[in-house]
Amino acid sequence: MTQRLHANEILDEILNVFESNLKTALNLQGVYRGTLAWLPPSDMAQMVNGIWVELLESSEIKDVAMPKGITVTYRIRCLFVRRIDVSNNVSKQRIADAEQMIETIFNNYLLGTINPPLSNGQVLWWLPKLIEWYPPENDFVEGLSSDLSAIACNTELEVRTNFR
């Protein structure tokens, strides 16, 4: 059977990109698939600094006439939760963290390291669309511990798939 939707492979590769490019720079304990909603609050302490990646509410599918195929636009939320050091300026740290995430996305906009490559498809682009300096999750993590802080980046990724 020919595969036309590649959401699992794409999300796995995004996790790999963040892990390999930001593990040291952001002192990551891990990268995770999902949202904070499924996470027991007691587990949060062992998981930060961490990046959570999840599909947003909808993905858009468009028909392509020549050659016959489809494009799928995935909306993906990337959330970074960090333990802050009170000796650092939190606002300055948020900006620095967001810059590193955004630069990683720009530097990997084709997700060229997907291995094996997508079956019957190609990533056209992966780009940031919105940065949330104080996302709703920030209130949640601050409620768990006053030394936690969150930023979020919403991205879009488009894949082209041929009918065969």
N, C-alpha and C. Protein backbone atom coordinates (compact mmCIF):
# COMPACT_ATOMS: atom_id res chain seq x y z
N MET A 1 0.83 -1.18 0.00
CA MET A 1 0.00 0.00 0.00
C MET A 1 0.88 1.25 0.00
N THR A 2 0.57 2.20 -0.85
CA THR A 2 1.31 3.45 -0.93
C THR A 2 0.89 4.36 0.21
N GLN A 3 1.88 4.93 0.87
CA GLN A 3 1.59 5.85 1.97
C GLN A 3 1.55 7.28 1.46
N ARG A 4 0.51 8.03 1.86
CA ARG A 4 0.37 9.42 1.42
C ARG A 4 0.45 10.40 2.58
N LEU A 5 0.22 9.94 3.78
CA LEU A 5 0.36 10.77 4.97
C LEU A 5 1.59 10.29 5.74
N HIS A 6 2.38 11.23 6.19
CA HIS A 6 3.67 10.88 6.79
C HIS A 6 3.85 11.49 8.18
N ALA A 7 2.76 11.69 8.91
CA ALA A 7 2.82 12.42 10.17
C ALA A 7 3.77 11.78 11.18
N ASN A 8 3.73 10.46 11.33
CA ASN A 8 4.61 9.81 12.31
C ASN A 8 6.07 9.98 11.97
N GLU A 9 6.43 9.78 10.71
CA GLU A 9 7.84 9.93 10.31
C GLU A 9 8.31 11.37 10.49
N ILE A 10 7.45 12.31 10.15
CA ILE A 10 7.81 13.72 10.27
C ILE A 10 8.03 14.11 11.73
N LEU A 11 7.11 13.75 12.59
CA LEU A 11 7.27 14.09 14.01
C LEU A 11 8.50 13.43 14.61
N ASP A 12 8.75 12.18 14.25
CA ASP A 12 9.95 11.49 14.75
C ASP A 12 11.21 12.22 14.29
N GLU A 13 11.22 12.69 13.04
CA GLU A 13 12.41 13.39 12.53
C GLU A 13 12.58 14.74 13.19
N ILE A 14 11.50 15.45 13.46
CA ILE A 14 11.61 16.73 14.17
C ILE A 14 12.21 16.52 15.55
N LEU A 15 11.77 15.48 16.24
CA LEU A 15 12.36 15.15 17.55
C LEU A 15 13.86 14.89 17.41
N ASN A 16 14.24 14.13 16.36
CA ASN A 16 15.67 13.86 16.12
C ASN A 16 16.45 15.13 15.84
N VAL A 17 15.87 16.04 15.06
CA VAL A 17 16.55 17.30 14.73
C VAL A 17 16.79 18.11 16.00
N PHE A 18 15.77 18.24 16.84
CA PHE A 18 15.94 19.00 18.08
C PHE A 18 16.96 18.32 19.00
N GLU A 19 16.86 17.01 19.12
CA GLU A 19 17.79 16.28 19.99
C GLU A 19 19.24 16.46 19.53
N SER A 20 19.48 16.27 18.25
CA SER A 20 20.87 16.32 17.77
C SER A 20 21.43 17.73 17.70
N ASN A 21 20.58 18.74 17.53
CA ASN A 21 21.07 20.10 17.37
C ASN A 21 21.02 20.94 18.64
N LEU A 22 20.15 20.58 19.58
CA LEU A 22 19.96 21.44 20.75
C LEU A 22 20.24 20.78 22.09
N LYS A 23 20.62 19.51 22.09
CA LYS A 23 20.85 18.80 23.36
C LYS A 23 21.84 19.55 24.25
N THR A 24 22.96 19.93 23.69
CA THR A 24 23.98 20.63 24.47
C THR A 24 23.62 22.10 24.66
N ALA A 25 23.20 22.77 23.58
CA ALA A 25 22.93 24.21 23.63
C ALA A 25 21.85 24.57 24.65
N LEU A 26 20.81 23.74 24.75
CA LEU A 26 19.71 24.03 25.68
C LEU A 26 19.74 23.11 26.91
N ASN A 27 20.80 22.32 27.04
CA ASN A 27 20.94 21.40 28.17
C ASN A 27 19.69 20.52 28.32
N LEU A 28 19.30 19.90 27.20
CA LEU A 28 18.07 19.11 27.17
C LEU A 28 18.19 17.81 27.96
N GLN A 29 17.16 17.53 28.73
CA GLN A 29 17.02 16.23 29.36
C GLN A 29 16.34 15.27 28.40
N GLY A 30 15.57 15.84 27.47
CA GLY A 30 14.90 14.99 26.49
C GLY A 30 14.03 15.81 25.55
N VAL A 31 13.59 15.14 24.49
CA VAL A 31 12.59 15.67 23.57
C VAL A 31 11.45 14.66 23.56
N TYR A 32 10.22 15.18 23.53
CA TYR A 32 9.07 14.33 23.76
C TYR A 32 7.99 14.61 22.73
N ARG A 33 7.24 13.58 22.43
CA ARG A 33 6.12 13.72 21.52
C ARG A 33 4.85 13.80 22.35
N GLY A 34 4.09 14.85 22.13
CA GLY A 34 2.85 15.03 22.88
C GLY A 34 2.78 16.41 23.50
N THR A 35 1.85 16.56 24.41
CA THR A 35 1.65 17.83 25.10
C THR A 35 1.85 17.61 26.59
N LEU A 36 1.83 18.69 27.33
CA LEU A 36 1.94 18.58 28.79
C LEU A 36 0.67 18.02 29.40
N ALA A 37 -0.42 18.00 28.66
CA ALA A 37 -1.71 17.56 29.20
C ALA A 37 -1.68 16.11 29.68
N TRP A 38 -0.91 15.25 29.02
CA TRP A 38 -0.87 13.83 29.40
C TRP A 38 0.13 13.54 30.51
N LEU A 39 0.89 14.55 30.89
CA LEU A 39 2.01 14.36 31.80
C LEU A 39 1.61 14.52 33.26
N PRO A 40 1.86 13.52 34.11
CA PRO A 40 1.63 13.71 35.54
C PRO A 40 2.57 14.81 36.05
N PRO A 41 2.05 15.81 36.76
CA PRO A 41 2.89 16.93 37.21
C PRO A 41 4.13 16.51 37.98
N SER A 42 4.06 15.41 38.70
CA SER A 42 5.23 14.97 39.47
C SER A 42 6.39 14.54 38.58
N ASP A 43 6.10 14.19 37.32
CA ASP A 43 7.15 13.77 36.39
C ASP A 43 7.88 14.93 35.72
N MET A 44 7.31 16.13 35.79
CA MET A 44 7.87 17.28 35.09
C MET A 44 9.32 17.56 35.50
N ALA A 45 9.63 17.47 36.77
CA ALA A 45 10.97 17.82 37.27
C ALA A 45 12.07 17.02 36.57
N GLN A 46 11.82 15.76 36.25
CA GLN A 46 12.83 14.93 35.60
C GLN A 46 12.90 15.17 34.09
N MET A 47 11.94 15.89 33.53
CA MET A 47 11.87 16.02 32.08
C MET A 47 12.35 17.37 31.56
N VAL A 48 12.62 18.32 32.43
CA VAL A 48 13.09 19.64 31.98
C VAL A 48 14.59 19.73 32.20
N ASN A 49 15.22 20.39 31.34
CA ASN A 49 14.83 21.14 30.18
C ASN A 49 14.37 20.16 29.11
N GLY A 50 13.23 20.45 28.50
CA GLY A 50 12.70 19.54 27.50
C GLY A 50 11.90 20.25 26.43
N ILE A 51 11.83 19.60 25.27
CA ILE A 51 11.03 20.10 24.15
C ILE A 51 9.92 19.08 23.88
N TRP A 52 8.68 19.59 23.79
CA TRP A 52 7.53 18.77 23.44
C TRP A 52 7.07 19.17 22.05
N VAL A 53 6.79 18.17 21.20
CA VAL A 53 6.39 18.41 19.81
C VAL A 53 5.08 17.66 19.57
N GLU A 54 4.10 18.38 18.99
CA GLU A 54 2.81 17.76 18.73
C GLU A 54 2.12 18.44 17.56
N LEU A 55 1.31 17.66 16.83
CA LEU A 55 0.48 18.23 15.78
C LEU A 55 -0.59 19.12 16.39
N LEU A 56 -0.88 20.23 15.72
CA LEU A 56 -1.99 21.09 16.14
C LEU A 56 -3.29 20.51 15.60
N GLU A 57 -4.37 21.22 15.79
CA GLU A 57 -5.72 20.69 15.55
C GLU A 57 -5.97 20.12 14.17
N SER A 58 -5.40 20.73 13.12
CA SER A 58 -5.77 20.29 11.78
C SER A 58 -4.58 20.28 10.84
N SER A 59 -4.68 19.47 9.81
CA SER A 59 -3.72 19.44 8.71
C SER A 59 -4.51 19.63 7.43
N GLU A 60 -4.00 20.46 6.54
CA GLU A 60 -4.72 20.79 5.31
C GLU A 60 -4.22 19.92 4.16
N ILE A 61 -5.15 19.31 3.43
CA ILE A 61 -4.82 18.48 2.29
C ILE A 61 -5.33 19.17 1.03
N LYS A 62 -4.42 19.33 0.04
CA LYS A 62 -4.80 19.96 -1.23
C LYS A 62 -4.45 19.03 -2.37
N ASP A 63 -5.30 19.03 -3.38
CA ASP A 63 -5.09 18.25 -4.60
C ASP A 63 -4.11 19.00 -5.51
N VAL A 64 -3.19 18.25 -6.12
CA VAL A 64 -2.25 18.82 -7.09
C VAL A 64 -2.52 18.12 -8.42
N ALA A 65 -2.69 18.93 -9.49
CA ALA A 65 -3.10 18.38 -10.78
C ALA A 65 -1.96 17.71 -11.54
N MET A 66 -0.83 18.39 -11.70
CA MET A 66 0.25 17.85 -12.54
C MET A 66 1.56 17.81 -11.80
N PRO A 67 2.24 16.73 -11.63
CA PRO A 67 1.68 15.39 -11.77
C PRO A 67 0.71 15.13 -10.62
N LYS A 68 -0.18 14.22 -10.85
CA LYS A 68 -1.27 13.96 -9.89
C LYS A 68 -0.70 13.64 -8.52
N GLY A 69 -1.19 14.35 -7.51
CA GLY A 69 -0.73 14.13 -6.16
C GLY A 69 -1.47 15.02 -5.18
N ILE A 70 -0.93 15.10 -3.97
CA ILE A 70 -1.49 15.97 -2.93
C ILE A 70 -0.35 16.67 -2.20
N THR A 71 -0.69 17.80 -1.59
CA THR A 71 0.20 18.41 -0.61
C THR A 71 -0.54 18.39 0.71
N VAL A 72 0.18 18.12 1.76
CA VAL A 72 -0.38 18.13 3.10
C VAL A 72 0.42 19.15 3.91
N THR A 73 -0.31 20.09 4.53
CA THR A 73 0.33 21.08 5.39
C THR A 73 0.03 20.71 6.83
N TYR A 74 1.08 20.37 7.56
CA TYR A 74 0.97 20.03 8.98
C TYR A 74 1.29 21.26 9.81
N ARG A 75 0.52 21.48 10.84
CA ARG A 75 0.79 22.54 11.81
C ARG A 75 1.31 21.86 13.06
N ILE A 76 2.50 22.26 13.48
CA ILE A 76 3.20 21.56 14.55
C ILE A 76 3.61 22.55 15.63
N ARG A 77 3.32 22.21 16.87
CA ARG A 77 3.67 23.06 18.01
C ARG A 77 4.91 22.49 18.68
N CYS A 78 5.86 23.36 18.91
CA CYS A 78 7.11 23.00 19.58
C CYS A 78 7.19 23.81 20.86
N LEU A 79 7.15 23.14 21.99
CA LEU A 79 7.14 23.80 23.30
C LEU A 79 8.45 23.48 24.02
N PHE A 80 9.10 24.51 24.53
CA PHE A 80 10.33 24.32 25.29
C PHE A 80 10.09 24.76 26.73
N VAL A 81 10.35 23.85 27.66
CA VAL A 81 10.24 24.16 29.09
C VAL A 81 11.63 24.07 29.68
N ARG A 82 12.02 25.14 30.36
CA ARG A 82 13.35 25.20 30.95
C ARG A 82 13.27 25.53 32.43
N ARG A 83 14.26 25.04 33.14
CA ARG A 83 14.46 25.44 34.54
C ARG A 83 15.31 26.70 34.49
N ILE A 84 14.80 27.77 35.08
CA ILE A 84 15.50 29.04 35.01
C ILE A 84 16.39 29.23 36.23
N ASP A 85 17.46 29.94 36.00
CA ASP A 85 18.39 30.31 37.06
C ASP A 85 18.03 31.73 37.48
N VAL A 86 17.75 31.95 38.75
CA VAL A 86 17.30 33.27 39.19
C VAL A 86 18.34 34.36 38.97
N SER A 87 19.59 33.96 38.73
CA SER A 87 20.61 34.97 38.47
C SER A 87 20.59 35.47 37.02
N ASN A 88 19.81 34.78 36.15
CA ASN A 88 19.68 35.20 34.75
C ASN A 88 18.44 36.05 34.56
N ASN A 89 18.46 36.91 33.56
CA ASN A 89 17.29 37.67 33.18
C ASN A 89 16.37 36.73 32.39
N VAL A 90 15.19 36.47 32.93
CA VAL A 90 14.28 35.49 32.33
C VAL A 90 13.85 35.91 30.92
N SER A 91 13.55 37.19 30.73
CA SER A 91 13.13 37.67 29.42
C SER A 91 14.23 37.49 28.39
N LYS A 92 15.45 37.79 28.78
CA LYS A 92 16.59 37.63 27.88
C LYS A 92 16.80 36.15 27.54
N GLN A 93 16.62 35.28 28.53
CA GLN A 93 16.78 33.84 28.32
C GLN A 93 15.73 33.30 27.37
N ARG A 94 14.47 33.77 27.50
CA ARG A 94 13.40 33.34 26.60
C ARG A 94 13.76 33.64 25.15
N ILE A 95 14.27 34.86 24.93
CA ILE A 95 14.63 35.26 23.57
C ILE A 95 15.76 34.40 23.04
N ALA A 96 16.77 34.16 23.85
CA ALA A 96 17.91 33.33 23.44
C ALA A 96 17.46 31.90 23.12
N ASP A 97 16.58 31.34 23.95
CA ASP A 97 16.08 29.98 23.72
C ASP A 97 15.27 29.91 22.43
N ALA A 98 14.38 30.90 22.22
CA ALA A 98 13.57 30.92 21.00
C ALA A 98 14.46 31.05 19.77
N GLU A 99 15.47 31.92 19.85
CA GLU A 99 16.39 32.07 18.70
C GLU A 99 17.05 30.76 18.34
N GLN A 100 17.46 29.99 19.34
CA GLN A 100 18.11 28.71 19.04
C GLN A 100 17.14 27.73 18.40
N MET A 101 15.91 27.68 18.90
CA MET A 101 14.91 26.78 18.29
C MET A 101 14.60 27.21 16.86
N ILE A 102 14.39 28.50 16.65
CA ILE A 102 14.04 29.01 15.32
C ILE A 102 15.18 28.77 14.33
N GLU A 103 16.40 29.04 14.75
CA GLU A 103 17.56 28.82 13.86
C GLU A 103 17.68 27.34 13.50
N THR A 104 17.41 26.46 14.45
CA THR A 104 17.45 25.02 14.17
C THR A 104 16.41 24.66 13.12
N ILE A 105 15.22 25.24 13.22
CA ILE A 105 14.18 24.97 12.23
C ILE A 105 14.60 25.49 10.86
N PHE A 106 15.08 26.74 10.80
CA PHE A 106 15.54 27.29 9.52
C PHE A 106 16.67 26.46 8.91
N ASN A 107 17.59 26.01 9.73
CA ASN A 107 18.74 25.23 9.24
C ASN A 107 18.35 23.83 8.78
N ASN A 108 17.16 23.38 9.15
CA ASN A 108 16.69 22.04 8.79
C ASN A 108 15.33 22.10 8.09
N TYR A 109 15.10 23.16 7.31
CA TYR A 109 13.77 23.41 6.75
C TYR A 109 13.31 22.34 5.77
N LEU A 110 14.21 21.53 5.25
CA LEU A 110 13.82 20.44 4.36
C LEU A 110 13.76 19.09 5.07
N LEU A 111 14.12 19.06 6.35
CA LEU A 111 14.21 17.80 7.10
C LEU A 111 14.96 16.77 6.27
N GLY A 112 16.07 17.19 5.71
CA GLY A 112 16.83 16.36 4.78
C GLY A 112 17.45 15.11 5.36
N THR A 113 17.39 14.96 6.67
CA THR A 113 18.03 13.79 7.28
C THR A 113 17.05 12.66 7.56
N ILE A 114 15.79 12.78 7.10
CA ILE A 114 14.84 11.69 7.33
C ILE A 114 15.42 10.42 6.72
N ASN A 115 15.55 9.40 7.55
CA ASN A 115 16.14 8.16 7.10
C ASN A 115 15.34 7.00 7.67
N PRO A 116 14.70 6.17 6.86
CA PRO A 116 14.72 6.24 5.40
C PRO A 116 13.87 7.42 4.92
N PRO A 117 14.11 7.86 3.68
CA PRO A 117 13.33 8.97 3.13
C PRO A 117 11.83 8.62 3.10
N LEU A 118 10.99 9.65 3.07
CA LEU A 118 9.55 9.42 3.01
C LEU A 118 9.21 8.57 1.80
N SER A 119 8.35 7.59 2.01
CA SER A 119 7.91 6.77 0.88
C SER A 119 6.92 7.57 0.05
N ASN A 120 7.24 7.76 -1.22
CA ASN A 120 6.35 8.42 -2.16
C ASN A 120 6.07 9.88 -1.79
N GLY A 121 6.98 10.53 -1.04
CA GLY A 121 6.74 11.91 -0.65
C GLY A 121 8.03 12.68 -0.44
N GLN A 122 7.89 14.00 -0.34
CA GLN A 122 9.03 14.88 -0.14
C GLN A 122 8.60 16.07 0.71
N VAL A 123 9.43 16.41 1.72
CA VAL A 123 9.19 17.60 2.52
C VAL A 123 9.55 18.81 1.66
N LEU A 124 8.61 19.72 1.47
CA LEU A 124 8.87 20.94 0.70
C LEU A 124 9.46 22.04 1.57
N TRP A 125 8.97 22.15 2.79
CA TRP A 125 9.51 23.12 3.73
C TRP A 125 8.94 22.89 5.13
N TRP A 126 9.72 23.34 6.13
CA TRP A 126 9.30 23.37 7.53
C TRP A 126 9.73 24.73 8.05
N LEU A 127 8.78 25.59 8.40
CA LEU A 127 9.12 26.95 8.78
C LEU A 127 8.35 27.39 10.02
N PRO A 128 8.97 28.23 10.85
CA PRO A 128 8.27 28.80 12.00
C PRO A 128 7.22 29.79 11.53
N LYS A 129 6.09 29.83 12.21
CA LYS A 129 5.01 30.76 11.85
C LYS A 129 4.63 31.68 13.00
N LEU A 130 4.84 31.26 14.25
CA LEU A 130 4.42 32.05 15.40
C LEU A 130 5.28 31.69 16.60
N ILE A 131 5.78 32.71 17.28
CA ILE A 131 6.50 32.50 18.55
C ILE A 131 5.61 33.00 19.66
N GLU A 132 5.45 32.19 20.69
CA GLU A 132 4.70 32.60 21.88
C GLU A 132 5.69 32.75 23.02
N TRP A 133 5.95 33.99 23.39
CA TRP A 133 6.91 34.25 24.46
C TRP A 133 6.36 33.82 25.81
N TYR A 134 5.05 33.94 25.98
CA TYR A 134 4.38 33.54 27.22
C TYR A 134 3.15 32.69 26.85
N PRO A 135 3.39 31.46 26.43
CA PRO A 135 2.27 30.60 26.02
C PRO A 135 1.44 30.19 27.24
N PRO A 136 0.24 29.69 27.01
CA PRO A 136 -0.61 29.24 28.13
C PRO A 136 0.10 28.20 29.01
N GLU A 137 0.94 27.38 28.42
CA GLU A 137 1.65 26.36 29.20
C GLU A 137 2.60 26.98 30.24
N ASN A 138 3.01 28.23 30.01
CA ASN A 138 3.89 28.89 30.96
C ASN A 138 3.22 29.01 32.33
N ASP A 139 1.94 29.38 32.35
CA ASP A 139 1.21 29.47 33.62
C ASP A 139 1.16 28.11 34.31
N PHE A 140 0.96 27.06 33.52
CA PHE A 140 0.89 25.70 34.08
C PHE A 140 2.21 25.30 34.73
N VAL A 141 3.33 25.49 34.00
CA VAL A 141 4.62 25.05 34.56
C VAL A 141 5.06 25.93 35.72
N GLU A 142 4.76 27.24 35.65
CA GLU A 142 5.08 28.10 36.80
C GLU A 142 4.28 27.70 38.03
N GLY A 143 3.04 27.21 37.81
CA GLY A 143 2.23 26.72 38.92
C GLY A 143 2.82 25.48 39.57
N LEU A 144 3.52 24.68 38.79
CA LEU A 144 4.16 23.48 39.34
C LEU A 144 5.41 23.83 40.12
N SER A 145 6.17 24.78 39.57
CA SER A 145 7.42 25.20 40.21
C SER A 145 7.78 26.59 39.70
N SER A 146 8.07 27.49 40.61
CA SER A 146 8.33 28.88 40.22
C SER A 146 9.61 29.04 39.40
N ASP A 147 10.44 28.02 39.34
CA ASP A 147 11.68 28.14 38.56
C ASP A 147 11.56 27.50 37.18
N LEU A 148 10.32 27.25 36.71
CA LEU A 148 10.11 26.72 35.37
C LEU A 148 9.52 27.81 34.48
N SER A 149 9.91 27.77 33.21
CA SER A 149 9.46 28.76 32.24
C SER A 149 9.27 28.06 30.90
N ALA A 150 8.28 28.53 30.11
CA ALA A 150 7.99 27.91 28.82
C ALA A 150 7.90 28.95 27.72
N ILE A 151 8.35 28.55 26.53
CA ILE A 151 8.12 29.30 25.30
C ILE A 151 7.61 28.30 24.26
N ALA A 152 6.93 28.80 23.24
CA ALA A 152 6.40 27.91 22.21
C ALA A 152 6.63 28.52 20.84
N CYS A 153 6.77 27.63 19.87
CA CYS A 153 6.90 28.03 18.47
C CYS A 153 5.95 27.15 17.66
N ASN A 154 5.02 27.79 16.97
CA ASN A 154 4.14 27.06 16.06
C ASN A 154 4.76 27.09 14.68
N THR A 155 4.81 25.93 14.04
CA THR A 155 5.44 25.81 12.74
C THR A 155 4.46 25.20 11.74
N GLU A 156 4.81 25.32 10.46
CA GLU A 156 4.09 24.61 9.41
C GLU A 156 5.09 23.83 8.59
N LEU A 157 4.66 22.66 8.15
CA LEU A 157 5.49 21.79 7.33
C LEU A 157 4.63 21.29 6.19
N GLU A 158 5.15 21.41 4.97
CA GLU A 158 4.38 20.95 3.82
C GLU A 158 5.08 19.78 3.16
N VAL A 159 4.30 18.75 2.84
CA VAL A 159 4.80 17.54 2.18
C VAL A 159 4.03 17.37 0.87
N ARG A 160 4.78 17.00 -0.17
CA ARG A 160 4.19 16.70 -1.49
C ARG A 160 4.25 15.20 -1.69
N THR A 161 3.12 14.60 -2.05
CA THR A 161 3.05 13.17 -2.29
C THR A 161 2.43 12.92 -3.65
N ASN A 162 3.02 12.01 -4.42
CA ASN A 162 2.48 11.64 -5.73
C ASN A 162 1.54 10.45 -5.60
N PHE A 163 0.53 10.40 -6.48
CA PHE A 163 -0.31 9.21 -6.57
C PHE A 163 0.38 8.24 -7.51
N ARG A 164 0.45 7.01 -7.11
CA ARG A 164 1.05 5.97 -7.97
C ARG A 164 0.21 4.74 -7.94
